[in-house]
N, C-alpha and C. Protein backbone atom coordinates (compact mmCIF):
# COMPACT_ATOMS: atom_id res chain seq x y z
N UNK A 1 58.23 -19.83 -16.20
CA UNK A 1 58.24 -18.73 -15.59
C UNK A 1 57.50 -17.68 -16.59
N UNK A 2 56.59 -16.95 -16.14
CA UNK A 2 55.92 -15.91 -16.67
C UNK A 2 56.60 -14.53 -17.03
N UNK A 3 56.87 -14.60 -18.58
CA UNK A 3 57.81 -13.34 -18.84
C UNK A 3 56.60 -12.13 -18.71
N UNK A 4 57.44 -10.69 -18.80
CA UNK A 4 56.64 -9.72 -18.64
C UNK A 4 55.57 -9.62 -19.74
N UNK A 5 56.01 -9.75 -20.92
CA UNK A 5 55.11 -9.71 -22.18
C UNK A 5 53.75 -10.55 -21.82
N UNK A 6 54.00 -11.84 -21.23
CA UNK A 6 52.90 -12.86 -21.47
C UNK A 6 52.29 -12.17 -20.25
N UNK A 7 52.78 -11.80 -19.15
CA UNK A 7 51.83 -11.38 -17.93
C UNK A 7 51.10 -10.05 -18.52
N UNK A 8 51.63 -8.94 -19.14
CA UNK A 8 50.69 -8.00 -19.77
C UNK A 8 49.66 -8.50 -20.75
N UNK A 9 49.76 -9.71 -21.25
CA UNK A 9 48.66 -10.08 -22.18
C UNK A 9 47.72 -10.70 -21.26
N UNK A 10 48.02 -11.46 -20.23
CA UNK A 10 47.00 -12.05 -19.26
C UNK A 10 46.28 -11.00 -18.59
N UNK A 11 46.82 -9.87 -18.20
CA UNK A 11 46.09 -8.85 -17.69
C UNK A 11 45.04 -8.08 -18.72
N UNK A 12 45.54 -8.23 -20.02
CA UNK A 12 44.54 -7.48 -21.02
C UNK A 12 43.38 -8.57 -21.22
N UNK A 13 43.51 -9.76 -20.75
CA UNK A 13 42.52 -10.65 -21.22
C UNK A 13 41.10 -10.19 -20.63
N UNK A 14 40.04 -10.03 -21.27
CA UNK A 14 38.88 -9.66 -20.68
C UNK A 14 38.28 -10.78 -19.65
N UNK A 15 37.88 -10.33 -18.40
CA UNK A 15 37.38 -11.34 -17.52
C UNK A 15 35.96 -11.75 -18.10
N UNK A 16 35.41 -12.97 -17.80
CA UNK A 16 34.21 -13.55 -18.10
C UNK A 16 33.02 -12.65 -17.26
N UNK A 17 32.00 -12.30 -18.26
CA UNK A 17 31.00 -11.67 -17.91
C UNK A 17 29.77 -12.30 -17.31
N UNK A 18 30.18 -13.63 -17.08
CA UNK A 18 28.97 -14.64 -16.53
C UNK A 18 28.46 -14.25 -15.28
N UNK A 19 27.24 -14.06 -15.17
CA UNK A 19 26.49 -13.59 -13.83
C UNK A 19 26.32 -14.93 -13.24
N UNK A 20 26.84 -15.19 -11.80
CA UNK A 20 26.42 -16.32 -11.11
C UNK A 20 24.93 -16.32 -10.97
N UNK A 21 24.29 -17.55 -10.93
CA UNK A 21 23.04 -17.66 -10.55
C UNK A 21 22.48 -17.21 -9.37
N UNK A 22 23.07 -17.12 -8.37
CA UNK A 22 22.48 -16.41 -7.08
C UNK A 22 22.58 -14.91 -7.26
N UNK A 23 23.35 -14.34 -7.88
CA UNK A 23 23.47 -12.95 -8.28
C UNK A 23 22.17 -12.70 -9.30
N UNK A 24 22.05 -13.55 -10.13
CA UNK A 24 20.96 -13.37 -11.37
C UNK A 24 19.64 -13.28 -10.33
N UNK A 25 19.34 -14.30 -9.43
CA UNK A 25 18.15 -14.67 -8.72
C UNK A 25 17.77 -13.38 -7.89
N UNK A 26 18.90 -12.82 -7.39
CA UNK A 26 18.60 -11.71 -6.38
C UNK A 26 18.18 -10.40 -7.25
N UNK A 27 18.87 -10.30 -8.25
CA UNK A 27 18.62 -9.04 -9.19
C UNK A 27 17.19 -9.17 -9.74
N UNK A 28 16.83 -10.50 -10.18
CA UNK A 28 15.44 -10.63 -10.80
C UNK A 28 14.39 -10.27 -9.66
N UNK A 29 14.74 -10.86 -8.56
CA UNK A 29 13.62 -10.63 -7.37
C UNK A 29 13.53 -9.17 -7.22
N UNK A 30 14.64 -8.41 -6.83
CA UNK A 30 14.29 -7.01 -6.79
C UNK A 30 13.98 -6.29 -7.95
N UNK A 31 14.22 -6.56 -9.08
CA UNK A 31 13.74 -5.89 -10.43
C UNK A 31 12.25 -6.10 -10.41
N UNK A 32 11.91 -7.46 -10.16
CA UNK A 32 10.28 -7.47 -10.44
C UNK A 32 9.69 -6.79 -9.16
N UNK A 33 10.06 -6.44 -8.04
CA UNK A 33 9.52 -5.75 -6.86
C UNK A 33 9.40 -4.46 -7.40
N UNK A 34 10.52 -4.16 -7.94
CA UNK A 34 10.62 -2.62 -8.65
C UNK A 34 9.69 -2.35 -9.64
N UNK A 35 9.66 -3.00 -10.65
CA UNK A 35 8.79 -2.78 -11.66
C UNK A 35 7.48 -2.91 -11.55
N UNK A 36 6.84 -3.78 -10.54
CA UNK A 36 5.48 -3.95 -10.54
C UNK A 36 4.77 -3.01 -9.31
N UNK A 37 5.79 -2.02 -8.78
CA UNK A 37 5.17 -1.26 -7.79
C UNK A 37 4.83 0.03 -8.23
N UNK A 38 3.47 0.62 -7.66
CA UNK A 38 3.07 1.88 -8.19
C UNK A 38 3.84 2.95 -7.16
N UNK A 39 4.51 3.57 -7.62
CA UNK A 39 5.50 4.48 -6.90
C UNK A 39 4.89 5.81 -6.49
N UNK A 40 3.63 5.94 -7.02
CA UNK A 40 2.95 7.17 -6.25
C UNK A 40 2.85 7.32 -4.63
N UNK A 41 3.05 6.07 -4.18
CA UNK A 41 2.83 6.25 -2.63
C UNK A 41 4.43 6.81 -2.10
N UNK A 42 5.45 6.54 -2.74
CA UNK A 42 6.51 7.08 -2.36
C UNK A 42 6.56 8.66 -2.68
N UNK A 43 6.11 9.07 -3.56
CA UNK A 43 5.93 10.40 -3.82
C UNK A 43 5.18 11.26 -2.86
N UNK A 44 4.09 10.53 -2.53
CA UNK A 44 3.33 11.05 -1.26
C UNK A 44 4.15 11.01 -0.23
N UNK A 45 4.90 10.20 0.06
CA UNK A 45 5.80 10.24 1.32
C UNK A 45 6.64 11.21 1.34
N UNK A 46 7.37 11.70 0.07
CA UNK A 46 8.29 12.78 0.00
C UNK A 46 7.64 14.00 0.28
N UNK A 47 6.16 14.20 -0.24
CA UNK A 47 5.58 15.48 0.23
C UNK A 47 5.37 15.45 1.78
N UNK A 48 4.85 14.46 2.18
CA UNK A 48 4.67 14.42 3.88
C UNK A 48 6.03 14.57 4.53
N UNK A 49 7.02 14.24 4.07
CA UNK A 49 8.27 14.58 4.71
C UNK A 49 8.83 16.08 4.66
N UNK A 50 8.53 16.50 3.41
CA UNK A 50 8.78 17.82 3.17
C UNK A 50 7.97 18.86 4.24
N UNK A 51 6.52 18.40 4.34
CA UNK A 51 5.74 19.26 5.22
C UNK A 51 6.18 18.78 6.49
N UNK A 52 6.65 17.90 7.04
CA UNK A 52 7.18 17.75 8.27
C UNK A 52 8.23 18.50 8.52
N UNK A 53 8.97 18.65 7.58
CA UNK A 53 10.17 19.65 7.73
C UNK A 53 10.15 20.94 7.93
N UNK A 54 9.04 21.34 7.05
CA UNK A 54 8.72 22.71 6.83
C UNK A 54 8.10 23.17 8.17
N UNK A 55 7.05 22.17 8.83
CA UNK A 55 6.49 22.60 9.96
C UNK A 55 7.12 22.29 11.38
N UNK A 56 8.48 21.72 11.26
CA UNK A 56 9.19 21.47 12.43
C UNK A 56 8.68 20.52 13.01
N UNK A 57 7.75 19.52 12.52
CA UNK A 57 7.42 18.34 13.33
C UNK A 57 8.35 17.34 13.45
N UNK A 58 7.95 16.27 14.19
CA UNK A 58 9.16 15.26 14.29
C UNK A 58 8.85 13.93 13.43
N UNK A 59 10.16 13.28 12.96
CA UNK A 59 9.85 12.14 12.32
C UNK A 59 10.43 11.07 13.14
N UNK A 60 9.69 10.03 13.33
CA UNK A 60 10.23 8.84 14.17
C UNK A 60 10.23 7.76 13.04
N UNK A 61 11.44 6.97 13.44
CA UNK A 61 11.64 5.68 12.50
C UNK A 61 11.92 4.57 13.50
N UNK A 62 11.35 3.21 12.98
CA UNK A 62 11.51 1.95 13.76
C UNK A 62 11.58 0.96 13.03
N UNK A 63 12.21 -0.19 13.38
CA UNK A 63 12.19 -1.67 13.05
C UNK A 63 12.85 -2.47 13.64
N UNK A 64 13.18 -3.89 13.31
CA UNK A 64 13.80 -4.90 13.93
C UNK A 64 14.78 -5.35 13.16
N UNK A 65 16.03 -5.93 13.94
CA UNK A 65 17.19 -6.25 13.10
C UNK A 65 17.68 -5.59 12.01
N UNK A 66 17.76 -6.00 10.79
CA UNK A 66 18.22 -5.04 9.82
C UNK A 66 17.46 -3.84 9.43
N UNK A 67 16.21 -3.93 9.90
CA UNK A 67 15.21 -2.96 9.74
C UNK A 67 15.57 -1.82 10.77
N UNK A 68 15.90 -2.37 11.73
CA UNK A 68 16.47 -1.22 13.00
C UNK A 68 17.70 -0.62 12.27
N UNK A 69 18.43 -1.29 12.10
CA UNK A 69 19.77 -0.69 11.22
C UNK A 69 19.47 0.47 10.15
N UNK A 70 18.66 0.09 9.47
CA UNK A 70 18.10 1.00 8.39
C UNK A 70 17.58 2.33 9.00
N UNK A 71 16.94 2.09 9.98
CA UNK A 71 16.12 3.30 10.79
C UNK A 71 17.37 4.06 11.32
N UNK A 72 18.31 3.55 11.83
CA UNK A 72 19.44 4.41 12.28
C UNK A 72 20.03 5.10 11.31
N UNK A 73 20.40 4.37 10.38
CA UNK A 73 21.08 4.77 9.02
C UNK A 73 20.40 6.09 8.38
N UNK A 74 19.23 5.80 8.08
CA UNK A 74 18.17 6.98 7.50
C UNK A 74 18.05 8.05 8.41
N UNK A 75 18.01 7.87 9.61
CA UNK A 75 17.85 8.90 10.67
C UNK A 75 18.86 10.00 10.47
N UNK A 76 20.02 9.43 10.18
CA UNK A 76 21.30 10.28 9.95
C UNK A 76 21.18 11.01 8.58
N UNK A 77 20.68 10.42 7.58
CA UNK A 77 20.51 10.93 6.36
C UNK A 77 19.60 12.25 6.42
N UNK A 78 18.41 12.00 7.12
CA UNK A 78 17.48 12.87 7.23
C UNK A 78 17.83 14.08 8.09
N UNK A 79 18.56 13.86 9.19
CA UNK A 79 18.88 14.71 10.02
C UNK A 79 20.10 15.74 9.41
N UNK A 80 20.99 15.03 8.81
CA UNK A 80 22.29 15.93 8.31
C UNK A 80 22.22 16.03 6.76
N UNK A 81 22.10 14.75 6.20
CA UNK A 81 22.24 14.54 4.71
C UNK A 81 21.52 15.36 3.80
N UNK A 82 20.27 15.80 4.28
CA UNK A 82 19.47 16.47 3.41
C UNK A 82 19.81 17.95 3.39
N UNK A 83 20.49 18.42 4.47
CA UNK A 83 20.93 19.99 4.42
C UNK A 83 22.12 19.89 5.21
N UNK A 84 23.13 19.59 4.21
CA UNK A 84 24.71 19.85 4.77
C UNK A 84 24.86 21.14 4.73
N UNK A 85 24.48 22.00 4.13
CA UNK A 85 24.99 23.45 3.80
C UNK A 85 24.49 24.36 5.11
N UNK A 86 23.21 24.01 5.59
CA UNK A 86 22.83 25.09 6.69
C UNK A 86 22.62 24.21 8.11
N UNK A 87 22.68 23.00 7.82
CA UNK A 87 22.59 22.16 9.34
C UNK A 87 21.27 22.17 9.92
N UNK A 88 20.25 22.36 9.01
CA UNK A 88 18.84 22.56 9.40
C UNK A 88 18.03 21.31 8.95
N UNK A 89 18.29 20.01 9.13
CA UNK A 89 17.61 19.06 8.64
C UNK A 89 16.36 18.70 9.39
N UNK A 90 15.85 17.44 9.17
CA UNK A 90 14.70 17.22 9.76
C UNK A 90 15.01 16.73 11.34
N UNK A 91 13.71 16.96 12.16
CA UNK A 91 13.94 16.69 13.59
C UNK A 91 13.42 15.21 13.55
N UNK A 92 14.51 14.17 13.62
CA UNK A 92 14.24 12.88 13.45
C UNK A 92 15.03 12.16 14.42
N UNK A 93 14.19 10.92 15.00
CA UNK A 93 14.60 10.09 15.77
C UNK A 93 14.47 8.64 15.45
N UNK A 94 15.53 7.99 15.45
CA UNK A 94 15.28 6.56 15.38
C UNK A 94 15.02 5.80 16.67
N UNK A 95 13.88 5.24 16.83
CA UNK A 95 13.49 4.76 18.12
C UNK A 95 14.41 3.39 18.51
N UNK A 96 15.14 2.96 17.48
CA UNK A 96 15.99 1.73 17.63
C UNK A 96 17.37 2.21 18.26
N UNK A 97 17.90 3.44 18.32
CA UNK A 97 19.16 3.82 18.39
C UNK A 97 19.54 3.67 20.15
N UNK A 98 18.75 4.18 20.93
CA UNK A 98 19.07 3.96 22.38
C UNK A 98 18.96 2.62 22.99
N UNK A 99 20.24 1.87 23.14
CA UNK A 99 20.10 0.61 23.67
C UNK A 99 19.45 0.52 25.06
N UNK A 100 20.04 1.56 25.72
CA UNK A 100 19.75 1.59 27.28
C UNK A 100 18.14 1.79 27.28
N UNK A 101 17.43 2.54 26.52
CA UNK A 101 16.08 2.69 26.66
C UNK A 101 15.48 1.53 26.00
N UNK A 102 15.83 0.86 25.09
CA UNK A 102 15.24 -0.37 24.59
C UNK A 102 15.49 -1.56 25.40
N UNK A 103 16.46 -1.70 25.98
CA UNK A 103 16.77 -2.72 27.19
C UNK A 103 15.83 -2.48 28.45
N UNK A 104 15.67 -1.38 28.55
CA UNK A 104 15.08 -1.12 29.85
C UNK A 104 13.68 -1.48 29.53
N UNK A 105 13.05 -0.87 28.40
CA UNK A 105 11.57 -1.20 28.30
C UNK A 105 11.35 -2.84 28.09
N UNK A 106 12.37 -3.13 27.14
CA UNK A 106 12.17 -4.73 26.90
C UNK A 106 12.07 -5.66 28.27
N UNK A 107 12.91 -5.20 29.08
CA UNK A 107 12.92 -5.80 30.63
C UNK A 107 11.90 -5.63 31.44
N UNK A 108 11.64 -4.30 31.56
CA UNK A 108 10.47 -3.86 32.43
C UNK A 108 9.01 -4.23 31.95
N UNK A 109 8.84 -3.77 30.67
CA UNK A 109 7.37 -3.87 30.25
C UNK A 109 7.13 -4.87 29.09
N UNK A 110 8.15 -5.18 28.47
CA UNK A 110 8.07 -6.12 27.49
C UNK A 110 8.65 -5.55 26.02
N UNK A 111 9.15 -6.66 24.99
CA UNK A 111 9.82 -6.00 23.91
C UNK A 111 8.72 -5.50 22.96
N UNK A 112 7.55 -5.94 23.22
CA UNK A 112 6.29 -5.52 22.12
C UNK A 112 6.19 -3.94 22.42
N UNK A 113 6.50 -3.39 23.57
CA UNK A 113 6.22 -2.00 23.73
C UNK A 113 7.60 -1.29 23.65
N UNK A 114 8.74 -1.63 23.08
CA UNK A 114 10.02 -0.79 23.26
C UNK A 114 9.73 0.56 22.22
N UNK A 115 8.80 0.39 21.31
CA UNK A 115 8.61 1.50 20.25
C UNK A 115 7.45 2.33 20.89
N UNK A 116 6.40 1.77 21.13
CA UNK A 116 5.13 2.53 21.57
C UNK A 116 5.20 3.23 22.64
N UNK A 117 5.95 3.09 23.64
CA UNK A 117 6.65 3.80 24.83
C UNK A 117 7.06 4.79 24.56
N UNK A 118 8.13 4.85 23.78
CA UNK A 118 8.81 6.00 23.51
C UNK A 118 7.99 6.96 22.59
N UNK A 119 7.24 6.59 21.72
CA UNK A 119 6.20 7.36 21.15
C UNK A 119 5.28 8.03 22.03
N UNK A 120 4.90 7.48 23.00
CA UNK A 120 4.21 8.24 24.03
C UNK A 120 4.73 9.15 24.86
N UNK A 121 6.02 9.04 24.84
CA UNK A 121 6.93 10.05 25.67
C UNK A 121 7.14 11.32 24.89
N UNK A 122 7.67 10.99 23.63
CA UNK A 122 8.28 11.99 22.57
C UNK A 122 7.24 12.26 21.69
N UNK A 123 6.48 11.67 21.08
CA UNK A 123 5.71 12.31 19.98
C UNK A 123 4.46 13.13 20.43
N UNK A 124 4.24 13.96 19.30
CA UNK A 124 3.02 14.96 19.46
C UNK A 124 2.12 14.68 18.41
N UNK A 125 0.79 15.24 18.56
CA UNK A 125 -0.13 14.81 17.30
C UNK A 125 0.42 16.03 16.06
N UNK A 126 0.46 15.31 14.84
CA UNK A 126 0.95 15.79 13.56
C UNK A 126 2.16 15.20 13.36
N UNK A 127 2.86 14.69 14.23
CA UNK A 127 4.37 14.18 13.94
C UNK A 127 4.13 13.03 12.92
N UNK A 128 5.35 12.37 12.52
CA UNK A 128 5.34 11.36 11.43
C UNK A 128 5.90 10.28 11.76
N UNK A 129 5.50 9.09 11.68
CA UNK A 129 6.17 7.63 11.90
C UNK A 129 6.24 7.03 10.70
N UNK A 130 7.71 6.49 10.55
CA UNK A 130 7.94 5.81 9.48
C UNK A 130 8.49 4.32 9.89
N UNK A 131 7.59 3.31 9.82
CA UNK A 131 7.93 1.84 10.25
C UNK A 131 8.39 1.14 9.22
N UNK A 132 9.55 0.23 9.56
CA UNK A 132 10.05 -0.66 8.54
C UNK A 132 9.57 -2.23 9.18
N UNK A 133 9.08 -2.87 8.09
CA UNK A 133 8.95 -4.33 8.58
C UNK A 133 8.90 -5.12 7.19
N UNK A 134 9.57 -6.37 7.51
CA UNK A 134 9.50 -7.49 6.27
C UNK A 134 8.16 -7.84 6.36
N UNK A 135 7.98 -8.48 7.42
CA UNK A 135 6.90 -9.48 7.43
C UNK A 135 5.38 -8.62 7.78
N UNK A 136 5.86 -7.45 8.53
CA UNK A 136 4.38 -6.58 8.78
C UNK A 136 3.46 -7.20 9.96
N UNK A 137 4.39 -8.06 10.75
CA UNK A 137 3.59 -8.71 11.90
C UNK A 137 4.34 -8.50 13.11
N UNK A 138 5.38 -7.99 12.96
CA UNK A 138 6.14 -7.78 14.26
C UNK A 138 5.41 -7.06 15.52
N UNK A 139 5.12 -7.56 16.61
CA UNK A 139 4.36 -7.13 17.71
C UNK A 139 4.87 -5.61 18.02
N UNK A 140 5.95 -5.38 18.07
CA UNK A 140 6.69 -4.09 18.43
C UNK A 140 6.23 -2.83 17.38
N UNK A 141 6.10 -3.47 16.09
CA UNK A 141 5.78 -2.40 14.89
C UNK A 141 4.29 -2.44 15.05
N UNK A 142 3.49 -3.49 15.10
CA UNK A 142 2.14 -3.28 15.22
C UNK A 142 1.64 -2.13 16.33
N UNK A 143 2.26 -2.59 17.58
CA UNK A 143 1.81 -1.49 18.60
C UNK A 143 2.45 -0.11 18.58
N UNK A 144 3.40 0.22 17.81
CA UNK A 144 3.90 1.43 17.16
C UNK A 144 2.93 2.19 16.57
N UNK A 145 2.30 1.46 15.38
CA UNK A 145 1.35 2.07 14.70
C UNK A 145 0.05 2.15 15.14
N UNK A 146 -0.27 1.29 16.08
CA UNK A 146 -1.53 1.72 16.97
C UNK A 146 -1.36 2.62 17.86
N UNK A 147 -0.16 2.85 18.52
CA UNK A 147 -0.02 4.24 19.33
C UNK A 147 -0.21 5.38 18.55
N UNK A 148 0.67 5.29 17.35
CA UNK A 148 0.60 6.61 16.45
C UNK A 148 -0.73 6.93 16.05
N UNK A 149 -1.62 6.11 15.91
CA UNK A 149 -3.06 6.33 15.31
C UNK A 149 -3.67 7.12 16.93
N UNK A 150 -3.32 6.51 18.05
CA UNK A 150 -3.86 7.13 19.36
C UNK A 150 -3.56 8.45 19.65
N UNK A 151 -2.05 8.74 19.13
CA UNK A 151 -1.44 10.21 19.51
C UNK A 151 -1.79 11.16 18.17
N UNK A 152 -2.75 10.66 17.29
CA UNK A 152 -3.07 11.65 16.19
C UNK A 152 -1.57 11.89 15.36
N UNK A 153 -0.75 11.23 15.19
CA UNK A 153 0.27 11.06 14.24
C UNK A 153 -0.06 10.60 12.93
N UNK A 154 0.73 10.65 11.89
CA UNK A 154 0.76 10.17 10.68
C UNK A 154 1.72 9.01 10.48
N UNK A 155 1.16 7.81 9.97
CA UNK A 155 2.11 7.00 9.59
C UNK A 155 2.15 6.31 8.50
N UNK A 156 3.45 5.70 8.09
CA UNK A 156 3.63 5.18 7.04
C UNK A 156 4.48 3.89 7.43
N UNK A 157 4.62 2.92 6.65
CA UNK A 157 5.01 1.72 6.71
C UNK A 157 5.38 0.96 5.48
N UNK A 158 6.92 0.81 5.38
CA UNK A 158 7.37 0.00 4.16
C UNK A 158 7.55 -1.44 4.46
N UNK A 159 6.72 -2.29 3.73
CA UNK A 159 6.36 -3.70 4.03
C UNK A 159 6.66 -4.41 3.16
N UNK A 160 7.00 -5.78 3.32
CA UNK A 160 7.23 -6.80 2.42
C UNK A 160 6.11 -8.00 2.72
N UNK A 161 6.36 -9.18 2.01
CA UNK A 161 5.76 -10.31 2.10
C UNK A 161 4.18 -9.80 1.94
N UNK A 162 3.33 -10.36 2.74
CA UNK A 162 1.79 -10.20 2.56
C UNK A 162 1.56 -8.51 3.16
N UNK A 163 2.40 -8.05 3.77
CA UNK A 163 1.98 -6.84 4.69
C UNK A 163 1.55 -6.95 5.88
N UNK A 164 1.10 -8.28 6.18
CA UNK A 164 0.80 -8.51 7.80
C UNK A 164 -0.49 -7.74 8.13
N UNK A 165 -0.38 -7.38 9.51
CA UNK A 165 -1.15 -6.81 10.23
C UNK A 165 -1.05 -5.31 9.94
N UNK A 166 0.21 -4.92 9.71
CA UNK A 166 0.47 -3.50 9.42
C UNK A 166 -0.02 -3.04 8.29
N UNK A 167 -0.32 -3.72 7.37
CA UNK A 167 -0.79 -3.29 5.87
C UNK A 167 -2.11 -2.48 6.04
N UNK A 168 -2.82 -2.78 6.95
CA UNK A 168 -4.23 -2.13 7.39
C UNK A 168 -4.06 -1.25 8.65
N UNK A 169 -3.15 -1.40 9.45
CA UNK A 169 -2.76 -0.35 10.71
C UNK A 169 -2.06 0.76 10.15
N UNK A 170 -1.22 0.90 9.35
CA UNK A 170 -0.45 2.00 8.76
C UNK A 170 -1.74 3.13 7.89
N UNK A 171 -1.28 4.36 8.21
CA UNK A 171 -2.22 5.35 7.47
C UNK A 171 -2.02 5.14 6.01
N UNK A 172 -0.64 4.91 5.75
CA UNK A 172 -0.06 5.13 4.45
C UNK A 172 0.96 3.79 4.32
N UNK A 173 0.53 2.72 3.80
CA UNK A 173 1.44 1.28 3.96
C UNK A 173 2.17 1.59 2.32
N UNK A 174 3.26 1.21 2.27
CA UNK A 174 4.03 1.06 1.11
C UNK A 174 4.59 -0.11 0.84
N UNK A 175 3.85 -1.17 0.19
CA UNK A 175 3.81 -2.61 0.35
C UNK A 175 4.50 -3.16 -1.08
N UNK A 176 5.60 -4.00 -0.72
CA UNK A 176 6.27 -4.99 -1.75
C UNK A 176 6.00 -6.29 -1.49
N UNK A 177 5.14 -6.86 -2.23
CA UNK A 177 4.60 -8.17 -1.93
C UNK A 177 5.81 -9.31 -2.41
N UNK A 178 6.90 -9.18 -1.93
CA UNK A 178 7.94 -9.93 -2.22
C UNK A 178 8.45 -10.91 -0.84
N UNK A 179 8.48 -12.25 -1.11
CA UNK A 179 8.96 -12.91 -0.10
C UNK A 179 10.11 -13.17 0.07
N UNK A 180 10.80 -12.22 0.25
CA UNK A 180 12.52 -12.19 0.58
C UNK A 180 12.80 -11.23 1.38
N UNK A 181 13.27 -11.39 2.69
CA UNK A 181 13.70 -10.50 3.69
C UNK A 181 14.72 -9.52 3.44
N UNK A 182 15.47 -10.03 2.87
CA UNK A 182 16.95 -9.15 2.42
C UNK A 182 16.58 -8.16 1.25
N UNK A 183 15.67 -8.59 0.35
CA UNK A 183 15.20 -7.74 -0.68
C UNK A 183 14.32 -6.71 -0.13
N UNK A 184 13.43 -7.02 0.78
CA UNK A 184 12.42 -6.24 1.65
C UNK A 184 13.34 -5.07 2.00
N UNK A 185 14.43 -5.46 2.91
CA UNK A 185 15.32 -4.64 3.78
C UNK A 185 15.90 -3.57 2.94
N UNK A 186 16.30 -4.12 1.57
CA UNK A 186 17.09 -3.19 0.84
C UNK A 186 16.17 -2.34 0.11
N UNK A 187 14.81 -2.44 -0.09
CA UNK A 187 13.92 -1.43 -0.46
C UNK A 187 13.79 -0.63 0.44
N UNK A 188 13.81 -0.82 1.63
CA UNK A 188 13.73 0.25 2.75
C UNK A 188 14.83 1.29 2.60
N UNK A 189 15.84 0.68 2.64
CA UNK A 189 17.09 1.93 2.44
C UNK A 189 17.10 2.59 1.29
N UNK A 190 16.62 1.83 0.05
CA UNK A 190 16.54 2.36 -1.33
C UNK A 190 15.74 3.64 -1.32
N UNK A 191 14.58 3.34 -0.72
CA UNK A 191 13.65 4.42 -0.71
C UNK A 191 13.75 5.68 0.30
N UNK A 192 14.77 5.25 1.35
CA UNK A 192 15.12 6.12 2.11
C UNK A 192 16.09 7.06 1.23
N UNK A 193 17.07 6.43 0.73
CA UNK A 193 17.88 7.46 -0.30
C UNK A 193 17.22 8.24 -1.33
N UNK A 194 16.14 7.54 -2.04
CA UNK A 194 15.50 8.44 -2.74
C UNK A 194 15.09 9.62 -2.13
N UNK A 195 14.43 9.45 -1.08
CA UNK A 195 13.66 10.40 -0.52
C UNK A 195 14.85 11.65 0.13
N UNK A 196 15.83 11.14 0.47
CA UNK A 196 17.04 12.05 0.97
C UNK A 196 17.45 12.77 -0.14
N UNK A 197 17.44 12.22 -1.21
CA UNK A 197 17.91 12.81 -2.41
C UNK A 197 17.11 13.97 -3.02
N UNK A 198 15.69 13.53 -2.72
CA UNK A 198 14.51 14.57 -3.37
C UNK A 198 14.46 15.68 -2.48
N UNK A 199 14.51 15.29 -0.98
CA UNK A 199 14.54 16.46 -0.29
C UNK A 199 15.60 17.38 -0.15
N UNK A 200 17.04 16.88 -0.64
CA UNK A 200 18.07 17.86 -0.23
C UNK A 200 18.17 18.27 -1.84
N UNK A 201 17.66 17.99 -3.02
CA UNK A 201 17.73 18.75 -4.47
C UNK A 201 16.62 19.90 -4.29
N UNK A 202 15.57 19.70 -3.34
CA UNK A 202 14.52 20.65 -3.47
C UNK A 202 14.11 21.01 -1.98
N UNK A 203 15.01 21.88 -1.23
CA UNK A 203 14.98 22.27 0.02
C UNK A 203 13.64 22.63 0.50
N UNK A 204 13.50 22.53 1.70
CA UNK A 204 12.20 22.84 2.36
C UNK A 204 11.64 24.32 2.49
N UNK A 205 12.72 25.20 1.93
CA UNK A 205 12.03 26.56 2.41
C UNK A 205 12.02 27.08 3.68
N UNK A 206 12.64 26.29 4.50
CA UNK A 206 12.47 26.94 5.98
C UNK A 206 13.84 27.32 6.59
N UNK A 207 13.88 28.34 7.43
CA UNK A 207 15.11 28.82 7.88
C UNK A 207 15.14 29.09 9.64
N UNK A 208 16.11 28.86 10.22
CA UNK A 208 15.95 29.08 11.81
C UNK A 208 15.11 30.26 11.98
N UNK A 209 15.50 31.31 11.55
CA UNK A 209 14.72 32.70 11.88
C UNK A 209 13.29 32.41 11.62
N UNK A 210 12.82 31.83 10.36
CA UNK A 210 11.36 31.73 10.11
C UNK A 210 10.96 30.91 11.47
N UNK A 211 11.55 29.76 11.69
CA UNK A 211 11.20 28.76 12.76
C UNK A 211 10.81 29.42 14.17
N UNK A 212 11.65 30.46 14.44
CA UNK A 212 11.61 31.18 15.70
C UNK A 212 10.69 32.29 15.85
N UNK A 213 10.24 32.57 14.69
CA UNK A 213 9.17 33.71 14.59
C UNK A 213 7.64 33.11 14.61
N UNK A 214 7.55 31.89 14.41
CA UNK A 214 6.13 31.27 14.11
C UNK A 214 5.63 31.32 15.59
N UNK A 215 4.22 31.58 15.92
CA UNK A 215 3.56 31.49 17.09
C UNK A 215 4.10 30.09 17.89
N UNK A 216 3.90 30.04 19.09
CA UNK A 216 4.19 28.91 19.93
C UNK A 216 3.30 27.80 19.53
N UNK A 217 1.91 28.24 19.20
CA UNK A 217 1.01 26.97 19.17
C UNK A 217 1.14 26.27 17.94
N UNK A 218 1.89 27.00 16.95
CA UNK A 218 2.30 26.30 15.68
C UNK A 218 3.45 25.38 16.06
N UNK A 219 4.29 25.79 16.83
CA UNK A 219 5.49 24.88 16.99
C UNK A 219 5.34 24.00 17.85
N UNK A 220 4.05 23.86 18.69
CA UNK A 220 3.87 22.62 19.52
C UNK A 220 2.36 22.46 19.54
N UNK A 221 1.81 21.36 19.77
CA UNK A 221 0.45 20.96 19.98
C UNK A 221 0.16 20.70 21.05
N UNK A 222 1.04 20.82 22.24
CA UNK A 222 0.77 20.43 23.64
C UNK A 222 0.72 21.85 24.49
């Protein structure tokens, strides 16, 4: 029978700090990708997002699988998280969020067009596309970047592995040459959170009154 005194001693015994090998491997892979990256491209994306916010342009996010979930997650952060005080966040749309639209387009015209078709309807010249892809070769991400160029949008893509076709299709690729899908997806959301904090700590200098007073031509390119 364990006495109260012995139980207290057992609870006070420090736990082992040994790190399991699978944890160490994941940490090392992430750390290597982090340390080897030139983060100036993320700083440039922060500037582009602030400009998009100030000009009341639209931001579109897309990805597949875990990257699709990241797109929805970060859309929330950019719409609300960056401006909780006044509720005037970015005009942002996750192209992965509407299951009715995606399944309709996938069924009627093909899965490769589920993002590009939405851009054709929703986007305007000067808007921003941020694409997430581990491989950089997903056909629907490739087509989204091609459509963004046709529409005179500005495109960024956060990529893993070799960067694939998207490495040259994106106007501004942010590439981590890491052969690990989970680490690639983690980097997407980590960068998103960095950007959210940067934008929320240094607000856009935009107000609803200022937006309503801008000329119509400045508010829309159509």
